[in-house]
Structure formats: structure tokens, C-alpha cells
Amino acid sequence: MQRESLEAYPAFAPAIREVLLSAEEIEARVQALGQAISQDYAGRNPLLVGVLRGVFVFLADLYRAITIPAEVDFISVASYSAESRDRGVVRLIKDLDLSIMGRDVIFVEDIVDTGLTLNFLLRNLQARGPASLEVCALFNKPKRRLIDIPLKYKGFDLPDRLVVGYGLDYRERYRNLPFLALLEPSVFLGGEKENNAGRRTE
């Protein structure tokens, strides 16, 4: 464990089993993603779209790493039921404020898991007539993928474990950690699975 990463967060230290990615490693990768987007979309004023709430940390840092004019908008989704969530079907709680017709859109995800919900949302956005639609994901779990989704911009591949920090939560905690970590098994309640499958978007 990278104990130095926990020194500023003593209240969280007992729950953290291992730091997978340091704040410095994440920052460097986000900067690289921002540079790549800036080069690819120069002169095109792309629109970055994120799903609240988990993506806000990554999207804010990514937006600051982009050195060309770009805009940001958000959607918020919820599952109709556990069954619909397992199929990737969600309902929009908050829709986009901006029209994406004819726009170059980058869908920004903190983590891509099964890909089912992401595929559902991408089809929804594609039907609105964007000029282009690509995905930028900081974290990726390829072993859990149930549907193939091209990720034009990708940060890190992760193991099939529940990870927290840098916007990712467990029961609404740990989002504010600047690094990515695994939790101690004792943290999990009621025999819950140690993966991020219960998240609203995957």
C-alpha cells in the first residue's frame, strides 16, 4: 500500500486496503487525455457530456486539461428497477441543456464496466444527430464487458474489483479521495459483491 497517499486522509485509512493509482499517476493521465483531445478537436469546439454524479471530478480536471474552446453539459439517469439496471435500461432525470445536433460530442465516463448502460445512452445521443460521437473513459474494466464499445480515449484498465476514489464511491463515500483504491473486505455490507456493478451507469 502506498501509505504516503493516506497521510492526509487518516479518517479513511482503516478502510483502504490498497492504493491502486496515486493522485500523481491519475493527474498525468488526465493531462495526456486532455492533450490528445485538444489536438484531435482543434478548431471544432467539442461538447463534453457527462453523467452525474460520479464523473464530475474527472470531467472537471479533464476540462481544465483541454487547451481549445470546448463546452460541457450533463445528464442524470436512474434505473427503473434492478432488472432494468441489469439490462442497461435507464430513465433520464436530467436531460442535456444544449442541442447536440451537428456537434462533435465526447461522452465522458469515469468508469466503463459492462457497457450496457453506456450503450443505451450512446444510442440515445446518436439519435439526436451529432456530427460525431466518441467516448473518453478514465477507468475501464474489460473483463466485465458484455457489449463492445469503442473507447477512443482511455486512461487505465482495471481488475474486476470495486474501486473508490477520484469520484467513485461506495455508498456515497470515498469520492473525495484523490487516488484510486481498494477497500478492506470488512467494509462491505451484507455480502455485497466487491465490484462496481451496482453503479447507476456502466
N, C-alpha and C. Protein backbone atom coordinates (compact mmCIF):
# COMPACT_ATOMS: atom_id res chain seq x y z
N MET A 1 0.84 -1.20 0.00
CA MET A 1 0.00 0.00 0.00
C MET A 1 0.87 1.24 0.00
N GLN A 2 0.45 2.23 -0.76
CA GLN A 2 1.17 3.49 -0.78
C GLN A 2 0.70 4.33 0.41
N ARG A 3 1.35 4.11 1.54
CA ARG A 3 0.90 4.75 2.77
C ARG A 3 0.99 6.26 2.69
N GLU A 4 1.95 6.77 1.88
CA GLU A 4 2.09 8.22 1.80
C GLU A 4 0.83 8.87 1.23
N SER A 5 0.08 8.12 0.43
CA SER A 5 -1.14 8.68 -0.15
C SER A 5 -2.22 8.87 0.89
N LEU A 6 -2.12 8.14 2.01
CA LEU A 6 -3.16 8.17 3.02
C LEU A 6 -2.87 9.14 4.16
N GLU A 7 -1.70 9.70 4.21
CA GLU A 7 -1.33 10.54 5.34
C GLU A 7 -2.28 11.72 5.52
N ALA A 8 -2.76 12.28 4.43
CA ALA A 8 -3.66 13.43 4.51
C ALA A 8 -5.11 13.01 4.73
N TYR A 9 -5.38 11.70 4.77
CA TYR A 9 -6.75 11.20 4.89
C TYR A 9 -6.84 10.15 6.00
N PRO A 10 -6.47 10.49 7.23
CA PRO A 10 -6.44 9.50 8.30
C PRO A 10 -7.81 8.90 8.60
N ALA A 11 -8.88 9.65 8.36
CA ALA A 11 -10.22 9.13 8.64
C ALA A 11 -10.59 7.99 7.71
N PHE A 12 -9.97 7.94 6.54
CA PHE A 12 -10.27 6.88 5.57
C PHE A 12 -9.30 5.71 5.65
N ALA A 13 -8.14 5.91 6.25
CA ALA A 13 -7.07 4.92 6.21
C ALA A 13 -7.49 3.52 6.66
N PRO A 14 -8.29 3.35 7.74
CA PRO A 14 -8.65 1.99 8.15
C PRO A 14 -9.46 1.22 7.12
N ALA A 15 -10.14 1.93 6.23
CA ALA A 15 -10.99 1.27 5.24
C ALA A 15 -10.26 0.95 3.95
N ILE A 16 -9.07 1.51 3.75
CA ILE A 16 -8.35 1.35 2.50
C ILE A 16 -7.41 0.15 2.57
N ARG A 17 -7.62 -0.78 1.67
CA ARG A 17 -6.76 -1.96 1.62
C ARG A 17 -5.51 -1.72 0.79
N GLU A 18 -5.68 -1.04 -0.35
CA GLU A 18 -4.55 -0.84 -1.26
C GLU A 18 -4.83 0.36 -2.15
N VAL A 19 -3.81 1.16 -2.37
CA VAL A 19 -3.90 2.26 -3.33
C VAL A 19 -3.43 1.72 -4.68
N LEU A 20 -4.35 1.71 -5.66
CA LEU A 20 -4.02 1.18 -6.98
C LEU A 20 -3.32 2.21 -7.86
N LEU A 21 -3.81 3.44 -7.81
CA LEU A 21 -3.25 4.51 -8.63
C LEU A 21 -3.11 5.75 -7.77
N SER A 22 -1.95 6.34 -7.77
CA SER A 22 -1.72 7.54 -6.98
C SER A 22 -2.36 8.75 -7.65
N ALA A 23 -2.50 9.81 -6.88
CA ALA A 23 -3.04 11.06 -7.44
C ALA A 23 -2.16 11.56 -8.57
N GLU A 24 -0.86 11.39 -8.44
CA GLU A 24 0.07 11.85 -9.47
C GLU A 24 -0.08 11.06 -10.76
N GLU A 25 -0.28 9.75 -10.64
CA GLU A 25 -0.49 8.92 -11.83
C GLU A 25 -1.77 9.30 -12.55
N ILE A 26 -2.83 9.53 -11.79
CA ILE A 26 -4.10 9.93 -12.39
C ILE A 26 -3.98 11.28 -13.06
N GLU A 27 -3.36 12.22 -12.37
CA GLU A 27 -3.21 13.57 -12.93
C GLU A 27 -2.45 13.54 -14.25
N ALA A 28 -1.39 12.76 -14.30
CA ALA A 28 -0.59 12.69 -15.52
C ALA A 28 -1.40 12.12 -16.68
N ARG A 29 -2.21 11.11 -16.39
CA ARG A 29 -3.02 10.51 -17.46
C ARG A 29 -4.12 11.45 -17.91
N VAL A 30 -4.74 12.16 -16.99
CA VAL A 30 -5.78 13.12 -17.36
C VAL A 30 -5.19 14.22 -18.24
N GLN A 31 -4.01 14.69 -17.90
CA GLN A 31 -3.35 15.70 -18.72
C GLN A 31 -3.09 15.17 -20.13
N ALA A 32 -2.66 13.92 -20.23
CA ALA A 32 -2.40 13.33 -21.54
C ALA A 32 -3.68 13.20 -22.36
N LEU A 33 -4.77 12.82 -21.70
CA LEU A 33 -6.06 12.74 -22.40
C LEU A 33 -6.49 14.11 -22.89
N GLY A 34 -6.32 15.12 -22.05
CA GLY A 34 -6.68 16.48 -22.44
C GLY A 34 -5.87 16.96 -23.64
N GLN A 35 -4.59 16.62 -23.66
CA GLN A 35 -3.75 17.00 -24.79
C GLN A 35 -4.19 16.30 -26.07
N ALA A 36 -4.54 15.02 -25.98
CA ALA A 36 -4.97 14.28 -27.16
C ALA A 36 -6.27 14.86 -27.72
N ILE A 37 -7.21 15.17 -26.83
CA ILE A 37 -8.47 15.76 -27.27
C ILE A 37 -8.23 17.13 -27.90
N SER A 38 -7.36 17.91 -27.31
CA SER A 38 -7.05 19.24 -27.84
C SER A 38 -6.48 19.16 -29.26
N GLN A 39 -5.65 18.18 -29.50
CA GLN A 39 -5.07 18.01 -30.84
C GLN A 39 -6.11 17.52 -31.83
N ASP A 40 -6.91 16.55 -31.43
CA ASP A 40 -7.87 15.94 -32.35
C ASP A 40 -9.03 16.86 -32.70
N TYR A 41 -9.40 17.75 -31.78
CA TYR A 41 -10.59 18.58 -31.98
C TYR A 41 -10.25 20.06 -32.16
N ALA A 42 -9.03 20.37 -32.52
CA ALA A 42 -8.65 21.76 -32.74
C ALA A 42 -9.55 22.41 -33.79
N GLY A 43 -10.12 23.57 -33.44
CA GLY A 43 -10.99 24.29 -34.35
C GLY A 43 -12.41 23.77 -34.44
N ARG A 44 -12.79 22.82 -33.57
CA ARG A 44 -14.11 22.17 -33.70
C ARG A 44 -15.04 22.43 -32.52
N ASN A 45 -14.59 23.04 -31.44
CA ASN A 45 -15.43 23.36 -30.28
C ASN A 45 -16.26 22.16 -29.83
N PRO A 46 -15.63 21.09 -29.36
CA PRO A 46 -16.38 19.90 -28.97
C PRO A 46 -17.24 20.15 -27.73
N LEU A 47 -18.26 19.31 -27.60
CA LEU A 47 -19.13 19.33 -26.42
C LEU A 47 -18.86 18.08 -25.60
N LEU A 48 -18.44 18.27 -24.36
CA LEU A 48 -18.20 17.16 -23.45
C LEU A 48 -19.47 16.89 -22.65
N VAL A 49 -19.94 15.65 -22.68
CA VAL A 49 -21.16 15.26 -21.98
C VAL A 49 -20.82 14.24 -20.90
N GLY A 50 -21.27 14.49 -19.68
CA GLY A 50 -21.02 13.57 -18.58
C GLY A 50 -22.30 13.21 -17.86
N VAL A 51 -22.26 12.07 -17.15
CA VAL A 51 -23.40 11.61 -16.36
C VAL A 51 -23.12 11.91 -14.90
N LEU A 52 -23.98 12.69 -14.29
CA LEU A 52 -23.85 12.99 -12.87
C LEU A 52 -24.20 11.76 -12.04
N ARG A 53 -23.49 11.46 -10.90
CA ARG A 53 -22.63 12.39 -10.23
C ARG A 53 -21.17 12.03 -10.29
N GLY A 54 -20.88 10.76 -10.48
CA GLY A 54 -19.51 10.30 -10.32
C GLY A 54 -18.49 10.92 -11.25
N VAL A 55 -18.93 11.34 -12.43
CA VAL A 55 -17.98 11.81 -13.44
C VAL A 55 -17.49 13.23 -13.17
N PHE A 56 -18.12 13.95 -12.24
CA PHE A 56 -17.83 15.38 -12.15
C PHE A 56 -16.37 15.66 -11.78
N VAL A 57 -15.74 14.79 -11.00
CA VAL A 57 -14.34 15.01 -10.62
C VAL A 57 -13.44 14.88 -11.85
N PHE A 58 -13.58 13.78 -12.55
CA PHE A 58 -12.78 13.56 -13.75
C PHE A 58 -13.06 14.60 -14.82
N LEU A 59 -14.32 14.90 -15.05
CA LEU A 59 -14.67 15.84 -16.11
C LEU A 59 -14.13 17.24 -15.83
N ALA A 60 -14.17 17.65 -14.58
CA ALA A 60 -13.65 18.97 -14.22
C ALA A 60 -12.15 19.05 -14.50
N ASP A 61 -11.41 18.01 -14.12
CA ASP A 61 -9.96 18.01 -14.36
C ASP A 61 -9.65 17.88 -15.84
N LEU A 62 -10.40 17.04 -16.55
CA LEU A 62 -10.20 16.87 -17.98
C LEU A 62 -10.46 18.18 -18.72
N TYR A 63 -11.53 18.87 -18.34
CA TYR A 63 -11.89 20.13 -18.99
C TYR A 63 -10.77 21.15 -18.85
N ARG A 64 -10.16 21.20 -17.67
CA ARG A 64 -9.06 22.13 -17.45
C ARG A 64 -7.80 21.72 -18.21
N ALA A 65 -7.69 20.44 -18.55
CA ALA A 65 -6.53 19.95 -19.30
C ALA A 65 -6.68 20.16 -20.80
N ILE A 66 -7.87 20.51 -21.24
CA ILE A 66 -8.12 20.76 -22.67
C ILE A 66 -7.77 22.21 -22.98
N THR A 67 -6.98 22.42 -24.00
CA THR A 67 -6.45 23.75 -24.29
C THR A 67 -7.12 24.43 -25.47
N ILE A 68 -8.25 23.91 -25.92
CA ILE A 68 -9.02 24.52 -27.01
C ILE A 68 -10.41 24.86 -26.49
N PRO A 69 -11.15 25.73 -27.18
CA PRO A 69 -12.53 26.01 -26.76
C PRO A 69 -13.36 24.73 -26.77
N ALA A 70 -14.11 24.51 -25.71
CA ALA A 70 -14.97 23.34 -25.58
C ALA A 70 -16.10 23.69 -24.61
N GLU A 71 -17.20 22.98 -24.73
CA GLU A 71 -18.34 23.19 -23.84
C GLU A 71 -18.63 21.92 -23.06
N VAL A 72 -19.41 22.07 -21.99
CA VAL A 72 -19.73 20.94 -21.12
C VAL A 72 -21.23 20.93 -20.84
N ASP A 73 -21.80 19.74 -20.81
CA ASP A 73 -23.19 19.57 -20.42
C ASP A 73 -23.32 18.24 -19.68
N PHE A 74 -24.41 18.09 -18.94
CA PHE A 74 -24.59 16.90 -18.11
C PHE A 74 -25.98 16.30 -18.30
N ILE A 75 -26.04 14.99 -18.11
CA ILE A 75 -27.31 14.31 -17.94
C ILE A 75 -27.26 13.57 -16.61
N SER A 76 -28.44 13.21 -16.12
CA SER A 76 -28.53 12.41 -14.91
C SER A 76 -29.53 11.31 -15.18
N VAL A 77 -29.22 10.10 -14.74
CA VAL A 77 -30.07 8.96 -15.03
C VAL A 77 -30.36 8.17 -13.76
N ALA A 78 -31.40 7.35 -13.83
CA ALA A 78 -31.74 6.44 -12.74
C ALA A 78 -32.34 5.18 -13.33
N SER A 79 -32.25 4.09 -12.60
CA SER A 79 -32.80 2.83 -13.06
C SER A 79 -34.29 2.77 -12.75
N TYR A 80 -35.05 2.15 -13.66
CA TYR A 80 -36.46 1.89 -13.37
C TYR A 80 -36.59 0.85 -12.27
N SER A 81 -35.74 -0.17 -12.33
CA SER A 81 -35.76 -1.27 -11.36
C SER A 81 -34.41 -1.97 -11.44
N ALA A 82 -34.20 -2.91 -10.52
CA ALA A 82 -32.95 -3.67 -10.55
C ALA A 82 -32.84 -4.46 -11.85
N GLU A 83 -33.98 -4.97 -12.33
CA GLU A 83 -33.96 -5.73 -13.58
C GLU A 83 -33.58 -4.86 -14.76
N SER A 84 -34.17 -3.66 -14.83
CA SER A 84 -33.84 -2.76 -15.94
C SER A 84 -32.38 -2.31 -15.86
N ARG A 85 -31.89 -2.11 -14.64
CA ARG A 85 -30.48 -1.74 -14.48
C ARG A 85 -29.57 -2.82 -15.02
N ASP A 86 -29.90 -4.08 -14.74
CA ASP A 86 -29.08 -5.18 -15.21
C ASP A 86 -29.07 -5.27 -16.73
N ARG A 87 -30.14 -4.76 -17.37
CA ARG A 87 -30.20 -4.75 -18.84
C ARG A 87 -29.64 -3.46 -19.41
N GLY A 88 -29.25 -2.52 -18.54
CA GLY A 88 -28.68 -1.27 -19.01
C GLY A 88 -29.71 -0.22 -19.37
N VAL A 89 -30.97 -0.47 -19.07
CA VAL A 89 -32.03 0.48 -19.42
C VAL A 89 -32.24 1.45 -18.26
N VAL A 90 -32.15 2.73 -18.55
CA VAL A 90 -32.30 3.76 -17.52
C VAL A 90 -33.25 4.83 -18.03
N ARG A 91 -33.68 5.68 -17.12
CA ARG A 91 -34.51 6.83 -17.49
C ARG A 91 -33.74 8.10 -17.19
N LEU A 92 -33.98 9.11 -18.00
CA LEU A 92 -33.32 10.39 -17.81
C LEU A 92 -34.01 11.19 -16.72
N ILE A 93 -33.26 11.60 -15.72
CA ILE A 93 -33.77 12.50 -14.69
C ILE A 93 -33.50 13.94 -15.11
N LYS A 94 -32.34 14.17 -15.66
CA LYS A 94 -31.98 15.47 -16.20
C LYS A 94 -31.43 15.28 -17.60
N ASP A 95 -32.04 15.96 -18.58
CA ASP A 95 -31.56 15.87 -19.95
C ASP A 95 -30.54 16.97 -20.21
N LEU A 96 -29.93 16.92 -21.38
CA LEU A 96 -28.98 17.95 -21.77
C LEU A 96 -29.67 19.30 -21.90
N ASP A 97 -28.96 20.35 -21.55
CA ASP A 97 -29.47 21.70 -21.76
C ASP A 97 -29.17 22.19 -23.17
N LEU A 98 -28.13 21.65 -23.80
CA LEU A 98 -27.71 22.09 -25.12
C LEU A 98 -28.12 21.08 -26.18
N SER A 99 -28.39 21.57 -27.38
CA SER A 99 -28.64 20.69 -28.52
C SER A 99 -27.32 20.12 -29.01
N ILE A 100 -27.31 18.85 -29.37
CA ILE A 100 -26.09 18.25 -29.89
C ILE A 100 -26.17 18.01 -31.40
N MET A 101 -27.24 18.43 -32.02
CA MET A 101 -27.37 18.24 -33.46
C MET A 101 -26.23 18.96 -34.18
N GLY A 102 -25.50 18.22 -34.99
CA GLY A 102 -24.40 18.80 -35.74
C GLY A 102 -23.15 19.09 -34.93
N ARG A 103 -23.13 18.69 -33.66
CA ARG A 103 -21.98 18.97 -32.79
C ARG A 103 -21.05 17.76 -32.72
N ASP A 104 -19.78 18.05 -32.45
CA ASP A 104 -18.82 17.00 -32.13
C ASP A 104 -18.91 16.73 -30.63
N VAL A 105 -19.40 15.56 -30.27
CA VAL A 105 -19.69 15.23 -28.88
C VAL A 105 -18.69 14.19 -28.36
N ILE A 106 -18.18 14.44 -27.16
CA ILE A 106 -17.34 13.47 -26.47
C ILE A 106 -18.07 13.06 -25.19
N PHE A 107 -18.48 11.81 -25.11
CA PHE A 107 -19.16 11.30 -23.92
C PHE A 107 -18.09 10.89 -22.91
N VAL A 108 -18.07 11.55 -21.77
CA VAL A 108 -17.02 11.36 -20.78
C VAL A 108 -17.53 10.46 -19.65
N GLU A 109 -16.84 9.37 -19.42
CA GLU A 109 -17.20 8.42 -18.36
C GLU A 109 -16.04 8.28 -17.37
N ASP A 110 -16.39 8.17 -16.09
CA ASP A 110 -15.36 7.87 -15.11
C ASP A 110 -14.91 6.42 -15.22
N ILE A 111 -15.89 5.49 -15.34
CA ILE A 111 -15.55 4.08 -15.41
C ILE A 111 -16.53 3.36 -16.32
N VAL A 112 -16.02 2.47 -17.16
CA VAL A 112 -16.85 1.64 -18.03
C VAL A 112 -16.75 0.21 -17.54
N ASP A 113 -17.92 -0.36 -17.27
CA ASP A 113 -18.00 -1.69 -16.67
C ASP A 113 -18.57 -2.67 -17.70
N THR A 114 -19.84 -3.03 -17.57
CA THR A 114 -20.45 -3.96 -18.53
C THR A 114 -20.63 -3.33 -19.90
N GLY A 115 -20.82 -2.02 -19.92
CA GLY A 115 -21.07 -1.32 -21.17
C GLY A 115 -22.53 -1.23 -21.55
N LEU A 116 -23.42 -1.89 -20.82
CA LEU A 116 -24.83 -1.93 -21.20
C LEU A 116 -25.49 -0.56 -21.09
N THR A 117 -25.34 0.09 -19.95
CA THR A 117 -25.96 1.41 -19.79
C THR A 117 -25.30 2.43 -20.71
N LEU A 118 -24.00 2.36 -20.85
CA LEU A 118 -23.31 3.28 -21.74
C LEU A 118 -23.81 3.12 -23.17
N ASN A 119 -24.00 1.88 -23.61
CA ASN A 119 -24.52 1.64 -24.95
C ASN A 119 -25.91 2.24 -25.12
N PHE A 120 -26.75 2.09 -24.10
CA PHE A 120 -28.10 2.65 -24.13
C PHE A 120 -28.05 4.17 -24.28
N LEU A 121 -27.17 4.81 -23.52
CA LEU A 121 -27.07 6.27 -23.57
C LEU A 121 -26.46 6.75 -24.88
N LEU A 122 -25.50 6.03 -25.40
CA LEU A 122 -24.90 6.42 -26.68
C LEU A 122 -25.91 6.33 -27.81
N ARG A 123 -26.75 5.31 -27.80
CA ARG A 123 -27.79 5.21 -28.82
C ARG A 123 -28.78 6.36 -28.71
N ASN A 124 -29.09 6.76 -27.47
CA ASN A 124 -29.98 7.90 -27.25
C ASN A 124 -29.37 9.17 -27.83
N LEU A 125 -28.10 9.39 -27.59
CA LEU A 125 -27.44 10.59 -28.09
C LEU A 125 -27.25 10.54 -29.60
N GLN A 126 -26.92 9.37 -30.14
CA GLN A 126 -26.71 9.25 -31.58
C GLN A 126 -27.97 9.60 -32.35
N ALA A 127 -29.13 9.29 -31.77
CA ALA A 127 -30.40 9.59 -32.43
C ALA A 127 -30.67 11.09 -32.54
N ARG A 128 -29.91 11.90 -31.83
CA ARG A 128 -30.11 13.35 -31.85
C ARG A 128 -29.29 14.04 -32.94
N GLY A 129 -28.57 13.27 -33.72
CA GLY A 129 -27.89 13.83 -34.88
C GLY A 129 -26.60 14.57 -34.65
N PRO A 130 -25.72 14.10 -33.76
CA PRO A 130 -24.43 14.78 -33.62
C PRO A 130 -23.56 14.55 -34.86
N ALA A 131 -22.64 15.47 -35.10
CA ALA A 131 -21.70 15.29 -36.21
C ALA A 131 -20.78 14.11 -35.94
N SER A 132 -20.39 13.94 -34.69
CA SER A 132 -19.57 12.81 -34.28
C SER A 132 -19.84 12.53 -32.81
N LEU A 133 -19.59 11.29 -32.40
CA LEU A 133 -19.82 10.89 -31.01
C LEU A 133 -18.75 9.89 -30.62
N GLU A 134 -17.89 10.29 -29.69
CA GLU A 134 -16.81 9.43 -29.21
C GLU A 134 -16.89 9.32 -27.69
N VAL A 135 -16.16 8.34 -27.14
CA VAL A 135 -16.16 8.09 -25.70
C VAL A 135 -14.76 8.31 -25.13
N CYS A 136 -14.71 9.01 -24.01
CA CYS A 136 -13.49 9.17 -23.23
C CYS A 136 -13.75 8.60 -21.84
N ALA A 137 -13.04 7.55 -21.47
CA ALA A 137 -13.23 6.90 -20.16
C ALA A 137 -11.90 6.86 -19.43
N LEU A 138 -11.90 7.29 -18.19
CA LEU A 138 -10.67 7.25 -17.41
C LEU A 138 -10.34 5.84 -16.95
N PHE A 139 -11.34 5.12 -16.46
CA PHE A 139 -11.13 3.77 -15.96
C PHE A 139 -11.95 2.79 -16.79
N ASN A 140 -11.39 1.62 -17.03
CA ASN A 140 -12.02 0.62 -17.87
C ASN A 140 -11.85 -0.76 -17.24
N LYS A 141 -12.95 -1.53 -17.21
CA LYS A 141 -12.90 -2.90 -16.70
C LYS A 141 -13.22 -3.86 -17.84
N PRO A 142 -12.25 -4.21 -18.66
CA PRO A 142 -12.53 -5.04 -19.84
C PRO A 142 -13.07 -6.43 -19.52
N LYS A 143 -12.72 -7.00 -18.38
CA LYS A 143 -13.18 -8.35 -18.05
C LYS A 143 -14.67 -8.40 -17.76
N ARG A 144 -15.28 -7.26 -17.45
CA ARG A 144 -16.71 -7.24 -17.15
C ARG A 144 -17.56 -6.84 -18.36
N ARG A 145 -16.93 -6.56 -19.48
CA ARG A 145 -17.67 -6.05 -20.62
C ARG A 145 -18.62 -7.09 -21.19
N LEU A 146 -19.87 -6.70 -21.39
CA LEU A 146 -20.88 -7.55 -22.01
C LEU A 146 -21.21 -7.09 -23.42
N ILE A 147 -20.85 -5.87 -23.75
CA ILE A 147 -21.08 -5.34 -25.09
C ILE A 147 -19.89 -4.49 -25.48
N ASP A 148 -19.45 -4.67 -26.71
CA ASP A 148 -18.24 -3.97 -27.16
C ASP A 148 -18.55 -2.52 -27.47
N ILE A 149 -17.81 -1.62 -26.83
CA ILE A 149 -17.96 -0.19 -27.06
C ILE A 149 -16.57 0.40 -27.30
N PRO A 150 -16.36 0.99 -28.47
CA PRO A 150 -15.05 1.59 -28.74
C PRO A 150 -14.79 2.77 -27.80
N LEU A 151 -13.63 2.78 -27.18
CA LEU A 151 -13.22 3.89 -26.32
C LEU A 151 -12.09 4.62 -27.03
N LYS A 152 -12.39 5.77 -27.63
CA LYS A 152 -11.36 6.50 -28.37
C LYS A 152 -10.27 7.00 -27.43
N TYR A 153 -10.68 7.41 -26.24
CA TYR A 153 -9.73 7.91 -25.24
C TYR A 153 -9.91 7.09 -23.97
N LYS A 154 -8.82 6.50 -23.49
CA LYS A 154 -8.90 5.62 -22.32
C LYS A 154 -7.73 5.88 -21.39
N GLY A 155 -8.03 5.87 -20.09
CA GLY A 155 -6.99 6.09 -19.10
C GLY A 155 -6.31 4.82 -18.65
N PHE A 156 -7.00 4.02 -17.84
CA PHE A 156 -6.40 2.84 -17.22
C PHE A 156 -7.34 1.65 -17.32
N ASP A 157 -6.79 0.46 -17.58
CA ASP A 157 -7.53 -0.79 -17.43
C ASP A 157 -7.41 -1.25 -15.98
N LEU A 158 -8.53 -1.70 -15.42
CA LEU A 158 -8.57 -2.09 -14.01
C LEU A 158 -9.01 -3.54 -13.86
N PRO A 159 -8.66 -4.17 -12.73
CA PRO A 159 -9.16 -5.51 -12.44
C PRO A 159 -10.64 -5.45 -12.07
N ASP A 160 -11.27 -6.62 -12.03
CA ASP A 160 -12.69 -6.70 -11.70
C ASP A 160 -12.86 -6.65 -10.18
N ARG A 161 -12.63 -5.47 -9.63
CA ARG A 161 -12.78 -5.23 -8.20
C ARG A 161 -13.47 -3.89 -8.01
N LEU A 162 -14.12 -3.72 -6.87
CA LEU A 162 -14.72 -2.43 -6.56
C LEU A 162 -13.61 -1.45 -6.22
N VAL A 163 -13.60 -0.34 -6.90
CA VAL A 163 -12.59 0.69 -6.67
C VAL A 163 -13.28 1.97 -6.23
N VAL A 164 -12.59 2.74 -5.41
CA VAL A 164 -13.15 4.00 -4.92
C VAL A 164 -12.10 5.10 -5.05
N GLY A 165 -12.60 6.31 -4.96
CA GLY A 165 -11.72 7.47 -5.05
C GLY A 165 -11.83 8.14 -6.40
N TYR A 166 -11.39 9.37 -6.46
CA TYR A 166 -11.42 10.17 -7.68
C TYR A 166 -12.81 10.15 -8.33
N GLY A 167 -13.81 10.39 -7.49
CA GLY A 167 -15.19 10.46 -7.96
C GLY A 167 -15.98 9.18 -7.80
N LEU A 168 -15.31 8.04 -7.65
CA LEU A 168 -16.00 6.77 -7.49
C LEU A 168 -16.30 6.53 -6.01
N ASP A 169 -17.52 6.06 -5.75
CA ASP A 169 -17.94 5.93 -4.36
C ASP A 169 -18.32 4.50 -4.00
N TYR A 170 -18.41 4.26 -2.72
CA TYR A 170 -19.10 3.10 -2.18
C TYR A 170 -20.06 3.64 -1.14
N ARG A 171 -21.35 3.50 -1.41
CA ARG A 171 -22.39 4.04 -0.54
C ARG A 171 -22.17 5.53 -0.25
N GLU A 172 -21.86 6.27 -1.32
CA GLU A 172 -21.70 7.73 -1.29
C GLU A 172 -20.48 8.21 -0.49
N ARG A 173 -19.56 7.33 -0.20
CA ARG A 173 -18.34 7.72 0.48
C ARG A 173 -17.13 7.51 -0.43
N TYR A 174 -16.05 8.15 -0.10
CA TYR A 174 -14.73 7.99 -0.73
C TYR A 174 -14.57 8.74 -2.05
N ARG A 175 -15.60 9.43 -2.53
CA ARG A 175 -15.47 10.16 -3.80
C ARG A 175 -14.34 11.19 -3.75
N ASN A 176 -14.12 11.78 -2.59
CA ASN A 176 -13.18 12.90 -2.49
C ASN A 176 -11.72 12.47 -2.36
N LEU A 177 -11.45 11.17 -2.33
CA LEU A 177 -10.06 10.73 -2.31
C LEU A 177 -9.42 11.03 -3.67
N PRO A 178 -8.21 11.58 -3.70
CA PRO A 178 -7.59 11.95 -4.98
C PRO A 178 -6.92 10.78 -5.70
N PHE A 179 -6.87 9.62 -5.04
CA PHE A 179 -6.25 8.43 -5.62
C PHE A 179 -7.32 7.36 -5.81
N LEU A 180 -6.96 6.26 -6.45
CA LEU A 180 -7.87 5.14 -6.66
C LEU A 180 -7.46 4.00 -5.75
N ALA A 181 -8.42 3.42 -5.03
CA ALA A 181 -8.07 2.44 -4.00
C ALA A 181 -9.06 1.28 -3.95
N LEU A 182 -8.58 0.19 -3.35
CA LEU A 182 -9.43 -0.94 -2.98
C LEU A 182 -9.78 -0.81 -1.50
N LEU A 183 -10.98 -1.28 -1.15
CA LEU A 183 -11.42 -1.23 0.24
C LEU A 183 -11.13 -2.55 0.95
N GLU A 184 -11.00 -2.46 2.26
CA GLU A 184 -10.89 -3.67 3.08
C GLU A 184 -12.19 -4.47 2.97
N PRO A 185 -12.12 -5.81 2.93
CA PRO A 185 -13.33 -6.63 2.83
C PRO A 185 -14.34 -6.35 3.95
N SER A 186 -13.86 -5.96 5.11
CA SER A 186 -14.77 -5.71 6.24
C SER A 186 -15.69 -4.52 6.00
N VAL A 187 -15.37 -3.70 5.01
CA VAL A 187 -16.20 -2.52 4.73
C VAL A 187 -17.52 -2.91 4.08
N PHE A 188 -17.53 -3.99 3.33
CA PHE A 188 -18.71 -4.34 2.56
C PHE A 188 -19.81 -4.88 3.46
N LEU A 189 -21.04 -4.49 3.11
CA LEU A 189 -22.20 -4.82 3.93
C LEU A 189 -23.02 -5.94 3.29
N GLY A 190 -23.50 -6.84 4.12
CA GLY A 190 -24.46 -7.82 3.66
C GLY A 190 -23.98 -8.74 2.56
N GLY A 191 -22.70 -9.01 2.51
CA GLY A 191 -22.19 -9.91 1.48
C GLY A 191 -22.22 -9.35 0.08
N GLU A 192 -22.22 -8.04 -0.06
CA GLU A 192 -22.25 -7.43 -1.38
C GLU A 192 -21.01 -7.79 -2.18
N LYS A 193 -21.17 -7.86 -3.49
CA LYS A 193 -20.05 -8.19 -4.35
C LYS A 193 -19.05 -7.04 -4.39
N GLU A 194 -17.80 -7.43 -4.47
CA GLU A 194 -16.74 -6.43 -4.48
C GLU A 194 -16.43 -6.01 -5.92
N ASN A 195 -17.41 -5.35 -6.56
CA ASN A 195 -17.18 -4.74 -7.87
C ASN A 195 -18.07 -3.51 -7.97
N ASN A 196 -17.98 -2.80 -9.08
CA ASN A 196 -18.75 -1.57 -9.23
C ASN A 196 -20.04 -1.79 -10.00
N ALA A 197 -20.55 -3.02 -10.00
CA ALA A 197 -21.70 -3.32 -10.83
C ALA A 197 -22.97 -2.63 -10.38
N GLY A 198 -23.03 -2.17 -9.14
CA GLY A 198 -24.22 -1.51 -8.65
C GLY A 198 -24.32 -0.05 -8.99
N ARG A 199 -23.34 0.47 -9.75
CA ARG A 199 -23.36 1.87 -10.11
C ARG A 199 -24.48 2.16 -11.09
N ARG A 200 -24.93 3.43 -11.12
CA ARG A 200 -26.03 3.79 -12.00
C ARG A 200 -25.66 3.71 -13.47
N THR A 201 -24.43 4.02 -13.80
CA THR A 201 -24.01 3.90 -15.20
C THR A 201 -22.82 2.97 -15.27
N GLU A 202 -22.78 2.22 -16.34
CA GLU A 202 -21.71 1.25 -16.55
C GLU A 202 -21.24 1.30 -17.99
